[in-house]
Amino acid sequence: MIIIDGHAHACGMFLNTNNVIDYMKRNNIYKIILSAGEPNSKKIYKLPYLAKIFKSSRLIYSNNLLTTIVISVSKMNRYLDQGNEKVALMAEECPEYILNTYWINPLEENCLQKMNDFLKKHSFYMLKMHQCWTKFDMDNIKFIVEWAEKNKTPIFIHLKSKDQVKKFIKLTKEYPGVTFILAHLIGIEEFDNTIGKNVYFDISCPLLHSIKMLKRAKDNFGAERILLGSDSPYGADNINLGISQLREIGMNDKEIELVSSKNIQKILGIN
C-alpha cells in the first residue's frame, strides 16, 4: 500500500532533506507534503493519547489555546517567510519525495504580493493557514480564497474555535470550486450532509482526535473525503497510529488506500 503523509512540518525528524528521506525509507512513506515548522528545531514531541479520554473537538480547541499562547510568546510566526523558502528548497532538492506548501499570513496587507513574488522563484502544491499562528478571522480571507479559486490551489486550514468552524462551513459553500482541507478533524461535530464535496478532512495528529470523531467523518462523508497525515513532529508514530485508527472504525483495505494516498493524489494531480 502506498502511503503519502499529507501534512508534516520541516522540523523535528524532518528538519532537513537527509532526515526526511531517511525517515520515509524506514517507515515506507512514498511522498510527504511539507509545511514550515518551528525554526531550526530538532525537537520531537511525544504527546499523550488524550483523545482516548476526551472524545470531542473540545480537546483540540483547548490545545489551540495553548498553541496560541506559545506562538504569542515565542514569536515563531515571524519566521513563516523563511520557513516557506526552506521547504521550497527542500522540495526542489528532492522533488520525487517532498511536496511543499505555502503558509500564508492573511494579516499581512501584502500577503498576496508576497505569494506571487514567491511563485516567480518557486512553486507549491497547497496553501496553508493556521489561526493559532496568525490570528485572522474567517470573514476576512475571501481574497485569498478567490486567489486559490483562480489558481486552482487547495487550501489547508487549521481552525481555532467552534465559531470559526461555523464560519468556515459557510465559506466553503460560497466557494464550491475551491478545495478545502480541514486540519485534524477540528469541529467535525458541526459538519452535516449539507457540506459540499469540495471539503476534505485531514486526520493528522491522531493523538488529538477521537475514534468517535473519525467515525463521524467516515460515516457522514466516506473514505474518499479523508486524508492521512502525521503532523510530525507532534507525535512520534502518527502515521501508523492513524492507519490503526482507520482499521478500528472498520475501514477495509480499499478504503484505507483511498485515505493513505489516492485521495490526495487526486486532489494534487500527482502520481
Protein backbone atom coordinates (compact mmCIF):
# COMPACT_ATOMS: atom_id res chain seq x y z
CA MET A 1 0.00 0.00 0.00
CA ILE A 2 1.27 3.45 -0.92
CA ILE A 3 1.44 5.91 1.98
CA ILE A 4 1.54 9.67 1.48
CA ASP A 5 1.99 11.82 4.56
CA GLY A 6 -0.42 14.62 3.75
CA HIS A 7 0.66 17.02 6.50
CA ALA A 8 4.00 17.44 8.26
CA HIS A 9 6.41 20.20 9.31
CA ALA A 10 10.02 20.90 8.39
CA CYS A 11 11.38 20.47 11.89
CA GLY A 12 12.00 17.62 14.32
CA MET A 13 12.58 14.43 12.32
CA PHE A 14 12.03 16.45 9.12
CA LEU A 15 14.48 19.28 9.81
CA ASN A 16 16.49 18.67 6.63
CA THR A 17 16.25 16.59 3.48
CA ASN A 18 18.54 13.83 4.74
CA ASN A 19 16.33 13.42 7.82
CA VAL A 20 13.21 13.35 5.65
CA ILE A 21 14.48 10.73 3.22
CA ASP A 22 15.85 8.52 5.98
CA TYR A 23 12.55 8.64 7.89
CA MET A 24 10.48 7.99 4.77
CA LYS A 25 12.52 4.96 3.78
CA ARG A 26 12.40 3.49 7.29
CA ASN A 27 8.64 3.98 7.52
CA ASN A 28 7.63 3.07 3.95
CA ILE A 29 6.32 6.55 3.12
CA TYR A 30 6.07 7.30 -0.61
CA LYS A 31 5.74 11.10 -0.53
CA ILE A 32 5.35 13.82 2.06
CA ILE A 33 3.58 17.18 1.94
CA LEU A 34 5.72 19.53 3.98
CA SER A 35 4.98 22.89 5.60
CA ALA A 36 7.15 25.33 7.50
CA GLY A 37 7.77 24.43 11.13
CA GLU A 38 9.48 25.61 14.28
CA PRO A 39 12.68 27.34 13.12
CA ASN A 40 15.79 25.13 13.44
CA SER A 41 14.10 22.86 15.98
CA LYS A 42 15.13 19.21 16.29
CA LYS A 43 12.52 18.54 18.97
CA ILE A 44 10.11 15.61 18.54
CA TYR A 45 7.04 15.85 20.76
CA LYS A 46 5.90 12.64 22.42
CA LEU A 47 2.32 13.58 23.12
CA PRO A 48 -0.09 11.64 25.36
CA TYR A 49 -3.06 9.97 23.69
CA LEU A 50 -5.58 12.33 25.26
CA ALA A 51 -8.23 11.59 22.64
CA LYS A 52 -8.82 8.26 24.38
CA ILE A 53 -10.24 10.27 27.27
CA PHE A 54 -11.62 13.40 25.63
CA LYS A 55 -13.87 12.35 22.77
CA SER A 56 -14.85 15.64 21.12
CA SER A 57 -13.26 18.67 19.45
CA ARG A 58 -13.10 20.37 22.84
CA LEU A 59 -9.70 18.74 23.28
CA ILE A 60 -8.35 20.39 20.13
CA TYR A 61 -9.96 23.72 20.98
CA SER A 62 -8.18 23.60 24.34
CA ASN A 63 -4.91 22.67 22.66
CA ASN A 64 -5.43 25.60 20.31
CA LEU A 65 -5.50 28.00 23.24
CA LEU A 66 -2.18 26.62 24.45
CA THR A 67 -0.68 26.83 20.97
CA THR A 68 -1.82 30.43 20.61
CA ILE A 69 -0.08 31.36 23.86
CA VAL A 70 3.14 29.58 22.85
CA ILE A 71 3.22 31.33 19.48
CA SER A 72 2.44 34.69 21.06
CA VAL A 73 5.35 34.33 23.48
CA SER A 74 7.87 32.70 21.12
CA LYS A 75 7.05 34.89 18.07
CA MET A 76 7.71 31.88 15.83
CA ASN A 77 5.17 33.22 13.33
CA ARG A 78 7.73 35.88 12.38
CA TYR A 79 9.66 33.20 10.52
CA LEU A 80 7.00 31.91 8.12
CA ASP A 81 8.68 33.51 5.10
CA GLN A 82 11.97 31.80 5.91
CA GLY A 83 10.07 28.56 6.52
CA ASN A 84 8.33 28.74 3.15
CA GLU A 85 11.68 29.32 1.45
CA LYS A 86 13.31 26.42 3.33
CA VAL A 87 10.54 23.97 2.43
CA ALA A 88 10.54 25.05 -1.22
CA LEU A 89 14.28 24.42 -1.44
CA MET A 90 13.86 21.01 0.21
CA ALA A 91 11.18 20.12 -2.36
CA GLU A 92 13.41 21.27 -5.21
CA GLU A 93 16.27 19.16 -3.87
CA CYS A 94 14.09 16.02 -3.57
CA PRO A 95 11.04 16.52 -5.83
CA GLU A 96 10.32 12.80 -6.01
CA TYR A 97 9.75 12.71 -2.25
CA ILE A 98 8.81 16.18 -0.96
CA LEU A 99 5.90 18.43 -1.99
CA ASN A 100 5.82 21.87 -0.42
CA THR A 101 3.02 24.10 0.81
CA TYR A 102 2.96 27.88 1.09
CA TRP A 103 1.98 29.11 4.55
CA ILE A 104 0.27 32.47 4.10
CA ASN A 105 -0.39 35.10 6.77
CA PRO A 106 -3.72 36.79 5.93
CA LEU A 107 -2.96 39.60 8.40
CA GLU A 108 -0.21 40.97 6.18
CA GLU A 109 -1.53 43.61 3.79
CA ASN A 110 0.89 42.48 1.11
CA CYS A 111 0.38 38.73 1.60
CA LEU A 112 -0.86 38.14 -1.96
CA GLN A 113 2.00 40.14 -3.45
CA LYS A 114 4.49 38.17 -1.34
CA MET A 115 2.96 34.92 -2.53
CA ASN A 116 3.03 35.99 -6.17
CA ASP A 117 6.65 37.05 -5.79
CA PHE A 118 7.40 33.66 -4.22
CA LEU A 119 5.89 31.97 -7.27
CA LYS A 120 8.38 33.74 -9.52
CA LYS A 121 11.12 31.69 -7.82
CA HIS A 122 9.35 28.54 -6.60
CA SER A 123 6.17 26.52 -6.99
CA PHE A 124 3.93 24.96 -4.35
CA TYR A 125 1.11 22.45 -4.21
CA MET A 126 -1.10 23.83 -1.48
CA LEU A 127 -1.89 26.95 0.54
CA LYS A 128 -1.85 26.71 4.33
CA MET A 129 -3.41 28.92 7.00
CA HIS A 130 -3.35 28.46 10.78
CA GLN A 131 -5.46 30.58 13.14
CA CYS A 132 -3.28 29.84 16.18
CA TRP A 133 -0.18 31.15 14.44
CA THR A 134 -1.80 34.15 12.75
CA LYS A 135 -4.99 35.43 14.38
CA PHE A 136 -7.17 36.03 11.33
CA ASP A 137 -10.94 35.68 11.13
CA MET A 138 -12.64 33.51 8.52
CA ASP A 139 -14.71 36.53 7.48
CA ASN A 140 -11.54 38.25 6.25
CA ILE A 141 -9.89 35.74 3.92
CA LYS A 142 -12.16 35.78 0.86
CA PHE A 143 -9.46 37.50 -1.18
CA ILE A 144 -7.16 34.52 -0.54
CA VAL A 145 -9.89 32.01 -1.33
CA GLU A 146 -10.56 33.84 -4.61
CA TRP A 147 -6.86 33.63 -5.44
CA ALA A 148 -6.97 29.88 -4.73
CA GLU A 149 -10.05 29.51 -6.94
CA LYS A 150 -8.38 31.36 -9.82
CA ASN A 151 -5.15 29.39 -9.45
CA LYS A 152 -6.79 26.02 -8.71
CA THR A 153 -4.86 25.63 -5.46
CA PRO A 154 -6.19 23.64 -2.47
CA ILE A 155 -6.37 25.34 0.92
CA PHE A 156 -5.30 23.51 4.09
CA ILE A 157 -6.60 25.28 7.18
CA HIS A 158 -6.30 24.91 10.95
CA LEU A 159 -9.26 26.48 12.74
CA LYS A 160 -9.18 27.80 16.28
CA SER A 161 -12.74 27.64 17.66
CA LYS A 162 -16.28 26.42 17.11
CA ASP A 163 -17.30 29.89 15.96
CA GLN A 164 -14.58 29.86 13.30
CA VAL A 165 -15.58 26.34 12.22
CA LYS A 166 -19.12 27.58 11.55
CA LYS A 167 -17.77 30.49 9.52
CA PHE A 168 -15.54 28.07 7.62
CA ILE A 169 -18.51 25.88 6.72
CA LYS A 170 -20.35 28.92 5.36
CA LEU A 171 -17.30 29.97 3.33
CA THR A 172 -16.87 26.54 1.74
CA LYS A 173 -20.45 26.73 0.49
CA GLU A 174 -19.82 30.15 -1.04
CA TYR A 175 -16.82 28.80 -2.96
CA PRO A 176 -17.71 25.29 -4.18
CA GLY A 177 -14.94 25.47 -6.78
CA VAL A 178 -12.22 25.64 -4.14
CA THR A 179 -10.86 22.52 -2.46
CA PHE A 180 -10.59 22.95 1.31
CA ILE A 181 -8.80 20.58 3.67
CA LEU A 182 -9.84 20.82 7.32
CA ALA A 183 -6.93 20.10 9.65
CA HIS A 184 -7.21 17.47 12.38
CA LEU A 185 -10.99 16.90 12.12
CA ILE A 186 -11.40 20.16 14.07
CA GLY A 187 -15.09 20.81 14.69
CA ILE A 188 -16.24 17.69 12.84
CA GLU A 189 -19.35 17.72 15.05
CA GLU A 190 -20.57 20.85 13.21
CA PHE A 191 -20.48 19.27 9.74
CA ASP A 192 -23.57 17.63 8.24
CA ASN A 193 -24.66 16.36 4.84
CA THR A 194 -25.14 19.90 3.51
CA ILE A 195 -21.37 20.33 3.26
CA GLY A 196 -20.01 20.27 -0.28
CA LYS A 197 -17.74 17.67 -1.83
CA ASN A 198 -15.05 20.34 -2.04
CA VAL A 199 -14.27 19.79 1.66
CA TYR A 200 -11.82 17.09 2.80
CA PHE A 201 -10.88 16.02 6.31
CA ASP A 202 -7.27 15.68 7.44
CA ILE A 203 -6.66 13.17 10.25
CA SER A 204 -3.12 14.14 11.16
CA CYS A 205 -2.02 14.08 14.80
CA PRO A 206 -4.35 11.19 15.69
CA LEU A 207 -3.48 11.63 19.36
CA LEU A 208 -5.76 14.69 19.42
CA HIS A 209 -8.90 13.38 17.71
CA SER A 210 -11.01 10.54 18.99
CA ILE A 211 -12.19 7.39 17.28
CA LYS A 212 -15.69 8.82 17.65
CA MET A 213 -14.71 11.89 15.63
CA LEU A 214 -13.05 9.79 12.94
CA LYS A 215 -16.07 7.50 12.69
CA ARG A 216 -18.34 10.52 12.27
CA ALA A 217 -16.23 11.71 9.35
CA LYS A 218 -16.27 8.28 7.73
CA ASP A 219 -19.99 7.66 8.27
CA ASN A 220 -21.05 11.10 7.01
CA PHE A 221 -18.59 11.68 4.17
CA GLY A 222 -16.95 8.37 3.30
CA ALA A 223 -13.34 7.28 2.98
CA GLU A 224 -13.00 9.27 -0.25
CA ARG A 225 -13.07 12.55 1.72
CA ILE A 226 -10.49 11.68 4.41
CA LEU A 227 -6.72 12.30 4.17
CA LEU A 228 -3.90 10.68 6.11
CA GLY A 229 -1.20 12.83 7.70
CA SER A 230 1.22 12.83 10.60
CA ASP A 231 1.56 16.47 11.74
CA SER A 232 5.11 15.48 12.66
CA PRO A 233 7.00 16.29 14.82
CA TYR A 234 3.90 16.50 17.03
CA GLY A 235 3.83 12.80 17.87
CA ALA A 236 6.42 10.10 17.19
CA ASP A 237 4.49 7.42 15.25
CA ASN A 238 1.41 9.18 13.92
CA ILE A 239 1.14 7.52 10.51
CA ASN A 240 0.96 4.01 11.95
CA LEU A 241 -1.47 5.15 14.65
CA GLY A 242 -3.62 6.85 12.03
CA ILE A 243 -3.83 3.69 9.93
CA SER A 244 -4.63 1.66 13.06
CA GLN A 245 -7.50 4.04 13.79
CA LEU A 246 -8.85 3.54 10.27
CA ARG A 247 -8.90 -0.21 10.86
CA GLU A 248 -10.51 0.32 14.26
CA ILE A 249 -13.52 2.06 12.69
CA GLY A 250 -13.91 -0.80 10.22
CA MET A 251 -12.34 0.51 7.02
CA ASN A 252 -11.34 -2.16 4.53
CA ASP A 253 -8.07 -2.18 2.58
CA LYS A 254 -9.56 -0.36 -0.40
CA GLU A 255 -10.88 2.44 1.81
CA ILE A 256 -7.58 2.73 3.68
CA GLU A 257 -5.79 3.03 0.34
CA LEU A 258 -8.03 5.97 -0.55
CA VAL A 259 -7.20 7.72 2.72
CA SER A 260 -3.50 6.84 2.61
CA SER A 261 -2.74 8.00 -0.92
CA LYS A 262 -5.38 8.01 -3.64
CA ASN A 263 -7.44 10.94 -2.33
CA ILE A 264 -4.51 13.33 -2.02
CA GLN A 265 -3.11 12.14 -5.36
CA LYS A 266 -6.42 13.10 -6.96
CA ILE A 267 -6.55 16.50 -5.23
CA LEU A 268 -2.99 17.45 -6.17
CA GLY A 269 -2.86 15.72 -9.54
CA ILE A 270 0.19 13.64 -8.64
CA ASN A 271 1.20 10.02 -9.16
